Amino acid sequence: MGHIRSACLRGLRATVAELGGDAERLARSAEVPVEALDRDDLLITERGAATILELAAHTLDCPDLGLRIAARQDITMLGSLAVAIQHSPTLGDALECTTRYLFVHSRSLTLTVAPDPAGDRGVSALLYGPATAAGPVQGTDSGLAFLHRTILYLAGGPYGLRSVDLPYRPAAPAGVHEAFFGAPVRVRRDVPAAVLRMPRNLMDHPIGTVNENMRQLALAFLAEQAPTVAADLAPRVRAAVQESLGTRPVEVGAVAALLAVHPRTLQRRLEAEGTTFGAVVDDVRRHTARRLLTTTDLPVGQVAHLVGFAEQSALSRAARRWWDSSPREVRRGG
């Protein structure tokens, strides 16, 4: 829980170098192991992955960073899941397999096939999350762009993408995204995730030559990878809160769902361990805010978002309570 395979950063080092930056320095600032830049099989925190992308985009003034990274990636970054996908009979089967086993790459990523939010019966929607009105912008851009490129590969070319609907405004100009996806890109606050709208009959599109034995072996391996649950609750809650900051609501119900416990059970067990959910959230926010303020030059408003505050003023009030200083004073004082 709370981790993602370092394959999600494939292409980051080369992209950052191309832009004249230092990927290893960015990794250290985001608390991401430097070796994750060159390996696919490490588990890194989802928060670290999201932070390094936002930090790189800001530091290098590259608002389309997520798209650039996705352009360097291919289906092999999914490991054993890629084998099952490539040997699925149809594109619909491949997407169903991805939906079921995406937890092997990250437990928090979701992919859902749903009716078209616009009500077009000839269109199916692929909902990719987590994605909210606040982002994570670069992480979602990268993941959605990778999904688009994977479908292009499986379909053997353009697949009739109708539009890309995003719950947030992209950092790059709309034309940049539309050129990448080859379709209109729309900002829609009413969608529950990032959405690729595609022809419904695409689900029946056959995928090349299928080796059923390879597919069954891959599926058997994936089925054995069910996530394990740690015994101690407080550290798990802290980790869940850490990974949720800036990517999904930091609410007791949402965190309890991630940990597969009832919210009341979570609260009772935390109290038995001498703390509360609110205290854990506050402590994680305080630690993360100080690190971002003192080791990066991200705007204070972006730091506020990355620690889970909707407004910069909320971070300012918290900083006064934590350190009796403003965020800018903390930054100047190191």
Protein backbone atom coordinates (compact mmCIF):
# COMPACT_ATOMS: atom_id res chain seq x y z
CA MET A 1 0.00 0.00 0.00
CA GLY A 2 1.25 3.50 -0.86
CA HIS A 3 3.99 2.37 -3.23
CA ILE A 4 4.48 2.19 -6.97
CA ARG A 5 7.05 0.38 -9.10
CA SER A 6 9.93 2.62 -10.10
CA ALA A 7 9.12 1.76 -13.71
CA CYS A 8 6.82 4.79 -13.59
CA LEU A 9 9.97 6.95 -13.69
CA ARG A 10 11.39 5.28 -16.77
CA GLY A 11 12.55 8.04 -19.09
CA LEU A 12 12.74 10.70 -16.37
CA ARG A 13 16.55 10.79 -16.22
CA ALA A 14 16.86 11.21 -20.00
CA THR A 15 14.11 13.83 -20.14
CA VAL A 16 15.63 15.87 -17.31
CA ALA A 17 19.09 15.65 -18.90
CA GLU A 18 17.66 16.81 -22.21
CA LEU A 19 16.26 19.86 -20.42
CA GLY A 20 19.59 20.60 -18.71
CA GLY A 21 18.59 19.44 -15.23
CA ASP A 22 20.01 17.11 -12.59
CA ALA A 23 17.72 14.10 -12.09
CA GLU A 24 19.65 12.78 -9.10
CA ARG A 25 19.34 16.08 -7.25
CA LEU A 26 15.60 16.11 -7.95
CA ALA A 27 15.34 12.54 -6.67
CA ARG A 28 17.02 13.45 -3.39
CA SER A 29 14.76 16.48 -2.92
CA ALA A 30 11.70 14.28 -3.48
CA GLU A 31 13.07 11.54 -1.18
CA VAL A 32 13.18 9.08 -4.06
CA PRO A 33 16.12 6.60 -4.15
CA VAL A 34 18.52 7.64 -6.91
CA GLU A 35 18.70 4.05 -8.17
CA ALA A 36 14.97 4.25 -8.95
CA LEU A 37 15.87 6.44 -11.93
CA ASP A 38 17.50 3.47 -13.65
CA ARG A 39 15.50 0.45 -12.47
CA ASP A 40 11.94 -0.75 -13.00
CA ASP A 41 11.58 -3.11 -10.08
CA LEU A 42 12.05 -0.93 -6.98
CA LEU A 43 9.08 0.05 -4.86
CA ILE A 44 9.02 3.79 -4.24
CA THR A 45 6.41 5.87 -2.47
CA GLU A 46 3.59 7.19 -4.62
CA ARG A 47 4.08 10.54 -3.00
CA GLY A 48 7.76 10.54 -3.96
CA ALA A 49 6.88 9.67 -7.55
CA ALA A 50 4.31 12.49 -7.74
CA THR A 51 6.62 14.98 -6.05
CA ILE A 52 9.62 14.39 -8.29
CA LEU A 53 7.49 14.95 -11.39
CA GLU A 54 5.98 18.18 -10.07
CA LEU A 55 9.37 19.36 -8.85
CA ALA A 56 11.04 18.60 -12.19
CA ALA A 57 8.29 20.34 -14.15
CA HIS A 58 8.59 23.44 -11.98
CA THR A 59 12.38 23.55 -11.72
CA LEU A 60 12.92 23.02 -15.46
CA ASP A 61 9.96 25.15 -16.54
CA CYS A 62 8.56 22.19 -18.49
CA PRO A 63 4.75 22.10 -18.09
CA ASP A 64 4.40 19.10 -20.43
CA LEU A 65 6.94 17.00 -18.53
CA GLY A 66 4.47 14.14 -17.92
CA LEU A 67 3.78 13.83 -21.64
CA ARG A 68 7.48 13.87 -22.48
CA ILE A 69 8.21 11.07 -20.04
CA ALA A 70 5.32 8.94 -21.34
CA ALA A 71 6.69 9.32 -24.87
CA ARG A 72 9.82 7.46 -23.70
CA GLN A 73 7.90 4.59 -22.11
CA ASP A 74 6.35 1.43 -23.51
CA ILE A 75 4.20 -1.46 -22.35
CA THR A 76 7.19 -3.47 -21.06
CA MET A 77 7.35 -1.23 -17.99
CA LEU A 78 4.33 -3.16 -16.67
CA GLY A 79 6.38 -6.36 -16.32
CA SER A 80 4.32 -9.54 -16.01
CA LEU A 81 1.12 -7.56 -16.51
CA ALA A 82 2.41 -6.57 -19.96
CA VAL A 83 2.69 -10.25 -20.92
CA ALA A 84 -0.94 -10.90 -19.95
CA ILE A 85 -2.09 -7.78 -21.80
CA GLN A 86 -0.20 -8.54 -25.01
CA HIS A 87 -1.61 -12.08 -25.17
CA SER A 88 -5.22 -11.09 -24.50
CA PRO A 89 -7.63 -12.01 -27.34
CA THR A 90 -9.20 -8.53 -27.66
CA LEU A 91 -8.52 -5.01 -26.51
CA GLY A 92 -11.49 -5.32 -24.17
CA ASP A 93 -9.91 -8.39 -22.59
CA ALA A 94 -6.63 -6.51 -22.23
CA LEU A 95 -8.32 -3.61 -20.45
CA GLU A 96 -10.25 -5.97 -18.17
CA CYS A 97 -6.98 -7.68 -17.25
CA THR A 98 -5.37 -4.32 -16.57
CA THR A 99 -8.28 -3.25 -14.39
CA ARG A 100 -8.02 -6.43 -12.33
CA TYR A 101 -4.24 -6.56 -11.87
CA LEU A 102 -3.05 -2.96 -11.97
CA PHE A 103 -2.38 -3.30 -8.23
CA VAL A 104 0.83 -5.13 -9.18
CA HIS A 105 2.13 -1.79 -10.45
CA SER A 106 0.43 0.29 -7.74
CA ARG A 107 -2.46 -0.43 -5.39
CA SER A 108 -3.83 3.10 -5.67
CA LEU A 109 -3.99 3.38 -9.46
CA THR A 110 -7.37 2.54 -10.95
CA LEU A 111 -8.63 1.92 -14.45
CA THR A 112 -12.36 1.50 -15.05
CA VAL A 113 -14.36 0.93 -18.23
CA ALA A 114 -17.62 2.87 -17.92
CA PRO A 115 -20.45 4.33 -20.01
CA ASP A 116 -19.66 7.62 -21.71
CA PRO A 117 -20.07 10.53 -19.24
CA ALA A 118 -21.48 12.55 -22.15
CA GLY A 119 -24.17 9.91 -22.76
CA ASP A 120 -23.06 8.78 -26.24
CA ARG A 121 -24.06 5.10 -26.51
CA GLY A 122 -21.43 4.47 -29.15
CA VAL A 123 -18.65 5.58 -26.82
CA SER A 124 -16.95 3.86 -23.88
CA ALA A 125 -15.00 5.77 -21.27
CA LEU A 126 -11.74 4.71 -19.65
CA LEU A 127 -11.53 6.35 -16.24
CA TYR A 128 -7.99 6.67 -14.91
CA GLY A 129 -7.24 7.67 -11.34
CA PRO A 130 -6.44 8.99 -8.92
CA ALA A 131 -7.08 12.37 -10.53
CA THR A 132 -8.92 15.31 -9.00
CA ALA A 133 -9.42 19.00 -9.72
CA ALA A 134 -6.09 19.57 -7.93
CA GLY A 135 -4.13 16.86 -9.74
CA PRO A 136 -1.64 15.28 -9.36
CA VAL A 137 -1.11 17.06 -12.69
CA GLN A 138 2.18 15.68 -14.01
CA GLY A 139 1.63 12.21 -12.60
CA THR A 140 -1.82 11.93 -14.16
CA ASP A 141 -0.59 13.41 -17.45
CA SER A 142 2.15 10.78 -17.55
CA GLY A 143 -0.11 7.86 -16.63
CA LEU A 144 -2.91 8.83 -19.00
CA ALA A 145 -0.45 9.47 -21.83
CA PHE A 146 1.13 6.06 -21.23
CA LEU A 147 -2.33 4.45 -21.34
CA HIS A 148 -3.06 6.22 -24.64
CA ARG A 149 0.22 5.04 -26.16
CA THR A 150 -0.43 1.48 -24.97
CA ILE A 151 -3.84 1.45 -26.67
CA LEU A 152 -2.26 2.81 -29.84
CA TYR A 153 0.20 -0.07 -29.72
CA LEU A 154 -2.44 -2.72 -29.08
CA ALA A 155 -4.81 -1.32 -31.71
CA GLY A 156 -2.05 -1.04 -34.29
CA GLY A 157 -2.52 2.70 -34.77
CA PRO A 158 -5.07 5.49 -34.21
CA TYR A 159 -8.13 4.06 -32.47
CA GLY A 160 -10.72 6.80 -32.88
CA LEU A 161 -10.16 8.64 -29.60
CA ARG A 162 -13.05 11.10 -29.30
CA SER A 163 -11.73 13.32 -26.52
CA VAL A 164 -9.65 13.46 -23.36
CA ASP A 165 -11.55 14.83 -20.36
CA LEU A 166 -9.52 16.06 -17.39
CA PRO A 167 -10.78 17.14 -13.96
CA TYR A 168 -7.92 19.67 -13.75
CA ARG A 169 -6.48 22.32 -16.05
CA PRO A 170 -3.25 21.04 -17.62
CA ALA A 171 -0.09 22.98 -16.86
CA ALA A 172 0.84 23.05 -20.56
CA PRO A 173 -1.21 24.85 -23.24
CA ALA A 174 -4.18 22.82 -24.48
CA GLY A 175 -2.65 22.59 -27.96
CA VAL A 176 0.31 20.64 -26.60
CA HIS A 177 -1.96 17.98 -25.12
CA GLU A 178 -4.19 17.87 -28.20
CA ALA A 179 -1.17 17.34 -30.44
CA PHE A 180 -0.01 14.46 -28.21
CA PHE A 181 -3.39 12.71 -28.01
CA GLY A 182 -4.63 13.63 -31.48
CA ALA A 183 -8.03 14.55 -30.03
CA PRO A 184 -9.75 17.44 -28.21
CA VAL A 185 -8.68 17.86 -24.59
CA ARG A 186 -11.37 19.28 -22.33
CA VAL A 187 -11.37 20.44 -18.72
CA ARG A 188 -14.48 19.06 -16.99
CA ARG A 189 -14.85 19.47 -13.25
CA ASP A 190 -17.79 17.02 -13.25
CA VAL A 191 -15.79 13.93 -14.26
CA PRO A 192 -14.66 11.61 -11.41
CA ALA A 193 -11.26 10.85 -12.98
CA ALA A 194 -9.21 11.49 -16.09
CA VAL A 195 -11.13 10.07 -19.06
CA LEU A 196 -10.28 8.69 -22.48
CA ARG A 197 -13.46 8.54 -24.62
CA MET A 198 -13.19 5.92 -27.36
CA PRO A 199 -15.47 3.98 -29.73
CA ARG A 200 -17.38 1.30 -27.89
CA ASN A 201 -16.73 -1.30 -30.60
CA LEU A 202 -12.98 -0.91 -30.04
CA MET A 203 -13.39 -3.38 -27.17
CA ASP A 204 -13.85 -6.16 -29.76
CA HIS A 205 -10.67 -5.29 -31.65
CA PRO A 206 -8.41 -8.41 -31.81
CA ILE A 207 -4.83 -8.17 -30.57
CA GLY A 208 -2.39 -9.85 -32.96
CA THR A 209 -1.22 -13.38 -32.26
CA VAL A 210 -2.22 -14.77 -28.85
CA ASN A 211 -0.15 -17.36 -27.01
CA GLU A 212 -2.71 -18.76 -24.59
CA ASN A 213 -0.09 -20.65 -22.56
CA MET A 214 1.91 -17.45 -22.01
CA ARG A 215 -1.27 -15.62 -21.07
CA GLN A 216 -2.34 -18.25 -18.52
CA LEU A 217 1.14 -18.34 -16.95
CA ALA A 218 1.14 -14.56 -16.61
CA LEU A 219 -2.38 -14.53 -15.14
CA ALA A 220 -1.45 -17.25 -12.63
CA PHE A 221 1.58 -15.24 -11.52
CA LEU A 222 -0.47 -12.04 -11.20
CA ALA A 223 -3.14 -13.83 -9.14
CA GLU A 224 -0.48 -14.80 -6.61
CA GLN A 225 0.59 -11.19 -6.06
CA ALA A 226 -2.27 -10.13 -3.81
CA PRO A 227 -0.98 -7.39 -1.49
CA THR A 228 -0.14 -8.37 2.07
CA VAL A 229 -1.37 -6.40 5.07
CA ALA A 230 0.96 -5.29 7.82
CA ALA A 231 0.00 -5.95 11.43
CA ASP A 232 0.67 -2.59 13.09
CA LEU A 233 -1.95 0.04 12.31
CA ALA A 234 -0.38 3.38 13.30
CA PRO A 235 2.61 3.15 10.91
CA ARG A 236 0.28 2.03 8.14
CA VAL A 237 -2.03 4.98 8.74
CA ARG A 238 0.93 7.35 8.67
CA ALA A 239 2.14 5.84 5.40
CA ALA A 240 -1.35 6.05 3.89
CA VAL A 241 -1.66 9.70 4.91
CA GLN A 242 1.81 10.45 3.53
CA GLU A 243 0.93 8.95 0.17
CA SER A 244 -2.50 10.61 0.08
CA LEU A 245 -1.28 14.18 0.52
CA GLY A 246 -1.88 16.09 -2.68
CA THR A 247 -3.26 13.07 -4.53
CA ARG A 248 -6.55 12.16 -2.84
CA PRO A 249 -8.67 13.35 0.11
CA VAL A 250 -6.98 12.94 3.49
CA GLU A 251 -10.11 11.79 5.26
CA VAL A 252 -10.53 9.02 7.78
CA GLY A 253 -12.99 7.18 5.54
CA ALA A 254 -10.69 7.27 2.51
CA VAL A 255 -7.66 6.12 4.50
CA ALA A 256 -9.67 3.39 6.21
CA ALA A 257 -10.78 2.14 2.80
CA LEU A 258 -7.16 2.00 1.64
CA LEU A 259 -6.31 -0.09 4.70
CA ALA A 260 -9.44 -2.24 4.41
CA VAL A 261 -10.69 -1.44 7.92
CA HIS A 262 -13.85 0.27 9.15
CA PRO A 263 -13.33 3.98 9.99
CA ARG A 264 -14.50 3.45 13.60
CA THR A 265 -12.11 0.51 13.97
CA LEU A 266 -9.25 2.65 12.66
CA GLN A 267 -10.03 5.43 15.13
CA ARG A 268 -10.38 3.04 18.10
CA ARG A 269 -7.10 1.30 17.36
CA LEU A 270 -5.24 4.57 16.94
CA GLU A 271 -6.58 5.77 20.29
CA ALA A 272 -5.42 2.49 21.84
CA GLU A 273 -1.95 3.24 20.47
CA GLY A 274 -1.96 6.71 22.05
CA THR A 275 -2.75 8.90 19.05
CA THR A 276 -5.61 10.04 16.79
CA PHE A 277 -6.18 10.23 13.06
CA GLY A 278 -6.09 14.03 13.20
CA ALA A 279 -2.77 14.02 15.05
CA VAL A 280 -1.21 11.68 12.48
CA VAL A 281 -2.40 13.87 9.60
CA ASP A 282 -1.12 17.03 11.28
CA ASP A 283 2.30 15.51 12.01
CA VAL A 284 2.74 14.22 8.46
CA ARG A 285 1.73 17.58 7.01
CA ARG A 286 4.15 19.42 9.29
CA HIS A 287 7.10 17.17 8.41
CA THR A 288 6.36 17.28 4.68
CA ALA A 289 5.78 21.03 4.58
CA ARG A 290 9.12 21.77 6.29
CA ARG A 291 10.99 19.48 3.90
CA LEU A 292 9.42 21.07 0.81
CA LEU A 293 9.90 24.60 2.10
CA THR A 294 13.55 24.12 3.03
CA THR A 295 14.81 21.83 0.25
CA THR A 296 12.90 23.08 -2.82
CA ASP A 297 11.89 26.40 -4.36
CA LEU A 298 8.35 25.30 -5.19
CA PRO A 299 5.84 28.16 -4.83
CA VAL A 300 4.20 28.25 -1.42
CA GLY A 301 0.81 27.66 -3.02
CA GLN A 302 2.06 24.44 -4.61
CA VAL A 303 3.59 23.33 -1.31
CA ALA A 304 0.18 23.89 0.27
CA HIS A 305 -1.39 21.58 -2.30
CA LEU A 306 1.28 18.92 -1.90
CA VAL A 307 0.63 18.73 1.84
CA GLY A 308 -3.12 18.45 1.30
CA PHE A 309 -4.38 22.00 1.86
CA ALA A 310 -6.93 23.45 -0.56
CA GLU A 311 -5.71 27.02 -0.03
CA GLN A 312 -2.34 28.65 0.63
CA SER A 313 -3.92 30.48 3.57
CA ALA A 314 -4.53 27.14 5.30
CA LEU A 315 -0.80 26.37 5.14
CA SER A 316 -0.03 29.84 6.50
CA ARG A 317 -2.31 29.28 9.49
CA ALA A 318 -0.81 25.84 10.12
CA ALA A 319 2.74 27.24 9.89
CA ARG A 320 1.92 29.79 12.59
CA ARG A 321 0.62 27.00 14.79
CA TRP A 322 3.54 24.62 14.09
CA TRP A 323 6.50 27.01 14.13
CA ASP A 324 5.11 30.45 15.02
CA SER A 325 6.39 31.57 11.61
CA SER A 326 5.05 32.06 8.10
CA PRO A 327 5.97 29.58 5.33
CA ARG A 328 8.28 32.17 3.75
CA GLU A 329 10.03 32.77 7.07
CA VAL A 330 10.57 29.02 7.45
CA ARG A 331 12.02 28.92 3.92
CA ARG A 332 14.39 31.81 4.59
CA GLY A 333 15.50 30.33 7.89
CA GLY A 334 16.10 26.82 6.43
